[in-house]
Protein backbone atom coordinates (compact mmCIF):
# COMPACT_ATOMS: atom_id res chain seq x y z
CA UNK A 1 18.00 21.47 57.34
CA UNK A 2 17.48 19.38 60.68
CA UNK A 3 20.30 17.25 62.22
CA UNK A 4 18.19 14.18 60.97
CA UNK A 5 17.83 15.50 57.51
CA UNK A 6 21.61 15.80 57.39
CA UNK A 7 21.98 12.26 58.34
CA UNK A 8 19.62 11.04 55.69
CA UNK A 9 21.25 13.09 53.07
CA UNK A 10 24.59 11.53 53.88
CA UNK A 11 22.97 7.96 54.01
CA UNK A 12 21.79 8.49 50.68
CA UNK A 13 25.38 9.78 49.26
CA UNK A 14 26.61 6.34 50.37
CA UNK A 15 23.43 4.88 48.76
CA UNK A 16 22.18 3.66 52.30
CA UNK A 17 18.42 3.89 52.98
CA UNK A 18 16.89 6.21 55.53
CA UNK A 19 15.70 3.17 57.09
CA UNK A 20 19.19 2.16 58.07
CA UNK A 21 18.94 4.65 61.14
CA UNK A 22 15.78 3.11 62.46
CA UNK A 23 17.06 -0.38 63.31
CA UNK A 24 20.26 0.48 65.17
CA UNK A 25 18.79 3.45 67.20
CA UNK A 26 15.82 0.78 68.34
CA UNK A 27 18.35 -1.56 69.51
CA UNK A 28 20.21 1.16 71.43
CA UNK A 29 17.23 2.23 73.21
CA UNK A 30 16.25 -1.30 74.36
CA UNK A 31 19.59 -2.14 75.24
CA UNK A 32 19.34 0.90 77.69
CA UNK A 33 16.30 0.50 78.82
CA UNK A 34 15.82 -3.59 79.52
CA UNK A 35 17.73 -5.36 81.84
CA UNK A 36 17.92 -8.95 83.38
CA UNK A 37 14.46 -9.60 84.63
CA UNK A 38 12.67 -6.92 82.18
CA UNK A 39 9.58 -8.23 79.87
CA UNK A 40 9.15 -7.02 76.03
CA UNK A 41 7.11 -7.46 73.11
CA UNK A 42 8.16 -7.64 69.53
CA UNK A 43 5.35 -7.20 67.50
CA UNK A 44 6.28 -8.11 63.61
CA UNK A 45 9.38 -10.07 64.94
CA UNK A 46 10.15 -11.38 61.66
CA UNK A 47 13.11 -14.07 61.69
CA UNK A 48 14.11 -12.38 64.89
CA UNK A 49 16.25 -9.35 64.17
CA UNK A 50 15.09 -7.64 67.42
CA UNK A 51 13.80 -10.63 69.19
CA UNK A 52 17.13 -12.31 69.79
CA UNK A 53 18.84 -9.13 70.97
CA UNK A 54 15.80 -8.74 73.22
CA UNK A 55 16.23 -12.28 74.37
CA UNK A 56 19.85 -11.58 75.43
CA UNK A 57 18.87 -8.06 77.39
CA UNK A 58 16.05 -9.62 79.49
CA UNK A 59 18.28 -12.51 80.38
CA UNK A 60 16.94 -15.99 81.84
CA UNK A 61 14.53 -14.48 84.11
CA UNK A 62 12.87 -12.11 81.78
CA UNK A 63 10.47 -12.81 78.91
CA UNK A 64 10.05 -11.59 75.34
CA UNK A 65 6.50 -12.01 73.73
CA UNK A 66 7.51 -12.33 69.99
CA UNK A 67 4.40 -12.04 67.39
CA UNK A 68 4.78 -13.29 63.80
CA UNK A 69 1.83 -14.53 61.74
CA UNK A 70 3.58 -15.50 58.46
CA UNK A 71 4.00 -19.13 58.79
CA UNK A 72 7.28 -19.54 56.93
CA UNK A 73 8.85 -16.65 58.64
CA UNK A 74 7.63 -18.10 62.01
CA UNK A 75 9.79 -21.10 60.79
CA UNK A 76 12.75 -19.20 60.52
CA UNK A 77 12.25 -17.28 63.61
CA UNK A 78 11.96 -20.83 65.51
CA UNK A 79 14.76 -21.97 63.96
CA UNK A 80 16.87 -18.84 65.23
CA UNK A 81 15.80 -18.78 68.33
CA UNK A 82 16.84 -22.83 68.89
CA UNK A 83 20.27 -21.76 67.28
CA UNK A 84 20.70 -19.20 69.86
CA UNK A 85 19.11 -21.47 72.99
CA UNK A 86 16.66 -18.51 73.62
CA UNK A 87 14.20 -20.37 76.07
CA UNK A 88 12.95 -16.83 77.30
CA UNK A 89 11.10 -16.19 74.24
CA UNK A 90 7.29 -16.78 73.86
CA UNK A 91 6.73 -16.91 69.99
CA UNK A 92 3.01 -16.59 68.75
CA UNK A 93 1.72 -17.04 65.47
CA UNK A 94 -0.78 -14.03 65.58
CA UNK A 95 -1.17 -11.02 63.83
CA UNK A 96 -1.81 -8.43 66.48
CA UNK A 97 -4.96 -6.14 66.30
CA UNK A 98 -7.61 -4.57 68.43
CA UNK A 99 -9.98 -7.82 68.12
CA UNK A 100 -9.78 -11.53 68.49
CA UNK A 101 -10.89 -12.98 64.98
CA UNK A 102 -9.71 -15.00 62.08
CA UNK A 103 -8.65 -12.35 59.50
CA UNK A 104 -7.52 -12.54 55.98
CA UNK A 105 -3.64 -11.45 55.97
CA UNK A 106 -1.93 -10.21 52.71
CA UNK A 107 1.03 -12.21 52.60
CA UNK A 108 4.03 -10.76 50.31
CA UNK A 109 5.36 -14.01 49.05
CA UNK A 110 8.54 -12.45 47.30
CA UNK A 111 9.12 -9.78 50.37
CA UNK A 112 7.53 -11.41 53.36
CA UNK A 113 8.48 -8.29 55.57
CA UNK A 114 5.89 -6.15 53.64
CA UNK A 115 2.96 -8.66 54.68
CA UNK A 116 0.26 -6.69 56.32
CA UNK A 117 -3.14 -7.19 58.05
CA UNK A 118 -4.62 -4.99 55.23
CA UNK A 119 -4.10 -5.05 51.53
CA UNK A 120 -1.90 -2.34 50.54
CA UNK A 121 -3.27 0.59 48.36
CA UNK A 122 0.43 1.44 47.36
CA UNK A 123 3.74 -0.43 46.88
CA UNK A 124 7.52 1.14 47.09
CA UNK A 125 8.68 1.89 43.38
CA UNK A 126 11.34 -0.96 43.61
CA UNK A 127 8.71 -3.74 44.68
CA UNK A 128 6.96 -5.64 42.33
CA UNK A 129 4.71 -7.53 44.72
CA UNK A 130 3.85 -11.21 44.62
CA UNK A 131 0.85 -11.91 47.17
CA UNK A 132 -1.61 -14.35 48.44
CA UNK A 133 -4.17 -13.66 51.04
CA UNK A 134 -4.37 -16.16 53.95
CA UNK A 135 -6.64 -16.86 57.17
CA UNK A 136 -4.20 -16.34 60.32
CA UNK A 137 -5.60 -15.71 63.84
CA UNK A 138 -5.51 -12.22 65.09
CA UNK A 139 -5.31 -11.23 68.81
CA UNK A 140 -5.16 -8.35 70.93
CA UNK A 141 -2.26 -8.04 73.12
CA UNK A 142 -4.16 -7.38 76.27
CA UNK A 143 -5.48 -11.02 75.74
CA UNK A 144 -2.06 -12.54 75.70
CA UNK A 145 -0.07 -10.70 78.28
CA UNK A 146 -0.78 -11.98 81.76
CA UNK A 147 -1.65 -9.36 84.20
CA UNK A 148 1.22 -10.65 86.46
CA UNK A 149 3.65 -9.67 84.12
CA UNK A 150 5.14 -6.07 83.59
CA UNK A 151 6.10 -5.09 80.11
CA UNK A 152 8.96 -2.77 79.85
CA UNK A 153 9.35 -2.17 76.29
CA UNK A 154 7.31 -2.53 73.08
CA UNK A 155 8.50 -2.67 69.72
CA UNK A 156 5.92 -2.92 66.98
CA UNK A 157 6.45 -3.00 62.96
CA UNK A 158 3.32 -4.28 61.62
CA UNK A 159 3.20 -2.79 58.41
CA UNK A 160 0.39 -0.25 58.97
CA UNK A 161 -1.49 -2.06 61.94
CA UNK A 162 0.58 -0.59 64.77
CA UNK A 163 -2.45 1.55 65.93
CA UNK A 164 -4.86 -0.90 66.17
CA UNK A 165 -2.46 -3.15 68.08
CA UNK A 166 -1.64 -0.62 70.29
CA UNK A 167 -5.63 -0.24 70.82
CA UNK A 168 -5.62 -3.81 71.48
CA UNK A 169 -3.08 -3.33 74.35
CA UNK A 170 -4.24 -0.71 75.91
CA UNK A 171 -4.84 -2.10 79.23
CA UNK A 172 -1.24 -3.47 79.16
CA UNK A 173 0.22 -0.11 78.32
CA UNK A 174 -1.76 1.69 80.90
CA UNK A 175 -0.76 -0.61 83.42
CA UNK A 176 2.75 -1.36 82.74
CA UNK A 177 3.95 2.45 81.08
CA UNK A 178 6.69 0.91 78.69
CA UNK A 179 8.60 2.73 76.28
CA UNK A 180 7.03 1.99 72.89
CA UNK A 181 8.68 2.31 69.33
CA UNK A 182 6.26 1.78 66.06
CA UNK A 183 6.60 2.22 62.64
CA UNK A 184 3.43 4.25 61.23
CA UNK A 185 2.62 5.28 57.60
CA UNK A 186 0.70 8.35 59.40
CA UNK A 187 -2.13 9.49 57.07
CA UNK A 188 -1.53 6.70 54.64
CA UNK A 189 -1.95 3.74 57.52
CA UNK A 190 -4.86 5.71 59.00
CA UNK A 191 -6.68 5.50 55.37
CA UNK A 192 -6.04 1.97 55.36
CA UNK A 193 -7.19 0.92 58.67
CA UNK A 194 -9.87 3.28 59.34
CA UNK A 195 -9.11 5.64 61.61
CA UNK A 196 -8.75 9.44 61.66
CA UNK A 197 -5.59 11.55 63.25
CA UNK A 198 -8.13 12.94 65.85
CA UNK A 199 -8.62 9.26 66.97
CA UNK A 200 -4.88 8.61 66.83
CA UNK A 201 -3.83 11.28 68.94
CA UNK A 202 -7.14 11.28 71.05
CA UNK A 203 -5.84 7.67 71.83
CA UNK A 204 -2.23 8.73 73.32
CA UNK A 205 -3.74 11.76 75.19
CA UNK A 206 -6.05 9.58 76.93
CA UNK A 207 -3.37 7.35 78.13
CA UNK A 208 -1.07 10.22 79.02
CA UNK A 209 1.68 9.29 76.46
CA UNK A 210 3.63 11.75 74.40
CA UNK A 211 4.64 11.21 70.70
CA UNK A 212 8.08 12.00 69.03
CA UNK A 213 9.91 11.24 65.77
CA UNK A 214 12.42 8.99 65.80
CA UNK A 215 15.27 11.81 66.27
CA UNK A 216 13.24 13.19 69.14
CA UNK A 217 11.10 16.03 67.63
CA UNK A 218 7.56 16.08 68.51
CA UNK A 219 4.90 14.23 66.40
CA UNK A 220 1.51 16.18 66.64
CA UNK A 221 -1.33 17.16 64.52
CA UNK A 222 0.40 20.07 62.73
CA UNK A 223 3.32 17.62 61.33
CA UNK A 224 0.86 14.68 61.20
CA UNK A 225 0.80 14.71 57.36
CA UNK A 226 4.46 15.85 56.39
CA UNK A 227 6.42 14.82 59.26
CA UNK A 228 8.33 17.92 58.92
CA UNK A 229 8.80 17.49 55.24
CA UNK A 230 11.34 14.46 55.92
CA UNK A 231 11.15 10.51 55.68
CA UNK A 232 9.67 9.60 58.71
CA UNK A 233 8.43 6.29 59.66
CA UNK A 234 9.43 5.26 63.09
CA UNK A 235 8.18 6.91 66.47
CA UNK A 236 8.36 6.79 70.22
CA UNK A 237 5.61 6.94 72.41
CA UNK A 238 6.71 7.81 75.97
CA UNK A 239 4.82 7.70 79.17
CA UNK A 240 4.32 11.23 80.25
CA UNK A 241 5.92 11.05 83.69
CA UNK A 242 9.27 9.77 81.86
CA UNK A 243 9.05 12.03 78.52
CA UNK A 244 11.96 14.53 79.94
CA UNK A 245 14.06 11.33 80.65
CA UNK A 246 13.62 9.90 77.40
CA UNK A 247 13.88 13.56 75.75
CA UNK A 248 17.77 13.43 76.84
CA UNK A 249 18.23 10.27 75.23
CA UNK A 250 16.59 10.45 71.79
CA UNK A 251 19.55 12.23 70.31
CA UNK A 252 22.30 10.22 71.44
CA UNK A 253 20.25 7.10 70.36
CA UNK A 254 19.98 8.37 66.93
CA UNK A 255 23.59 9.66 66.86
CA UNK A 256 24.94 6.19 67.75
CA UNK A 257 22.73 4.64 65.20
CA UNK A 258 24.16 6.97 62.51
CA UNK A 259 27.72 5.83 63.21
CA UNK A 260 26.51 2.35 63.16
CA UNK A 261 24.73 2.76 59.93
CA UNK A 262 27.83 4.35 58.29
CA UNK A 263 30.13 1.62 59.88
CA UNK A 264 31.95 4.01 61.98
CA UNK A 265 33.82 3.29 65.07
CA UNK A 266 33.21 7.29 66.48
CA UNK A 267 29.95 6.26 68.16
CA UNK A 268 29.07 8.35 70.92
CA UNK A 269 29.35 6.78 74.55
CA UNK A 270 25.87 5.80 75.95
CA UNK A 271 25.81 5.95 79.67
CA UNK A 272 23.25 3.14 80.27
CA UNK A 273 23.15 4.01 83.94
CA UNK A 274 20.99 6.84 83.26
CA UNK A 275 17.98 4.24 82.39
CA UNK A 276 14.46 5.62 83.61
CA UNK A 277 13.15 3.37 86.29
C-alpha cells in the first residue's frame, strides 16, 4: 500500500472524502511557487476558494485571471472579491476550451460545482442532479492572456474540460512554463470530450512537460486507466526542466495537506525558499 493509499484510508476512517487532500495540497503548492508580482490562472474559480488566496499570494503587482461561467456563482465570486478588496483579480464569465464559440453549458443547479462544458454521462452516487442547459461564451486561454504577461501557476478544475482548456492555452504554457495542477477523470473525461490517451500524453510530450499524480507518482499510459488502483483525480504537469525540483516538493505538499485535512498541528515544515525560479 502506498503512503497516499494509507492517507486515503485514514481519511475515510474519519468520514472524510479523499478529495479533502487535494485543495490544501494545491494551496501549499501555489503559496510556495508564487511571490509578489507573479501571475496565476484559476480555471473553474467557483466562489473563490483558491482565487482569494492566489490574490493574496501575487500581491498588488500580480494578476489572477479567474474563469467562472456559471452566472449565479460569478455573482458570489465577485461579492467575495469585493469583501477582500481584491483589485488584482480579472474575472471572466467564460468557459475555458480550445475554441472561441458560444457553447451549450450544462449547469447543475443544485450543486453548481458539478457544472460542465459537456453533459455528464455518470453522476456520483450521492448526487440527484437538477440541471439545465445554458448558452455561455467559451474562450481559449491564449486569447485572453496578454503576451506581455508571464503566467507562473495554472489551476484547472473544469469538470472534465481541463485537457481542452490546456490545448487552448498551449501558446501561453509553452511561453511561460508554469506549474499546472488539474483535475482529470482520465478515460471517462477523454470519452466525454472526444480525445484519446495517445492524444493526451502526446500533447504533454510535445510541449516537454512531465505528468504526476497529486502525490508525486508518475502518470503514464500504463496507469492511465486505474491510477494505481487508487482514487486519483488531481494531477501535476511540470516543465521538464523543473521536474526534478518539483519531485522534491510533492511529498511535502501532500503530507502538509494530510495534516490540514485531519486538523492536526504537526504539519511538516515547508521551506518556501526552495521554490524553483
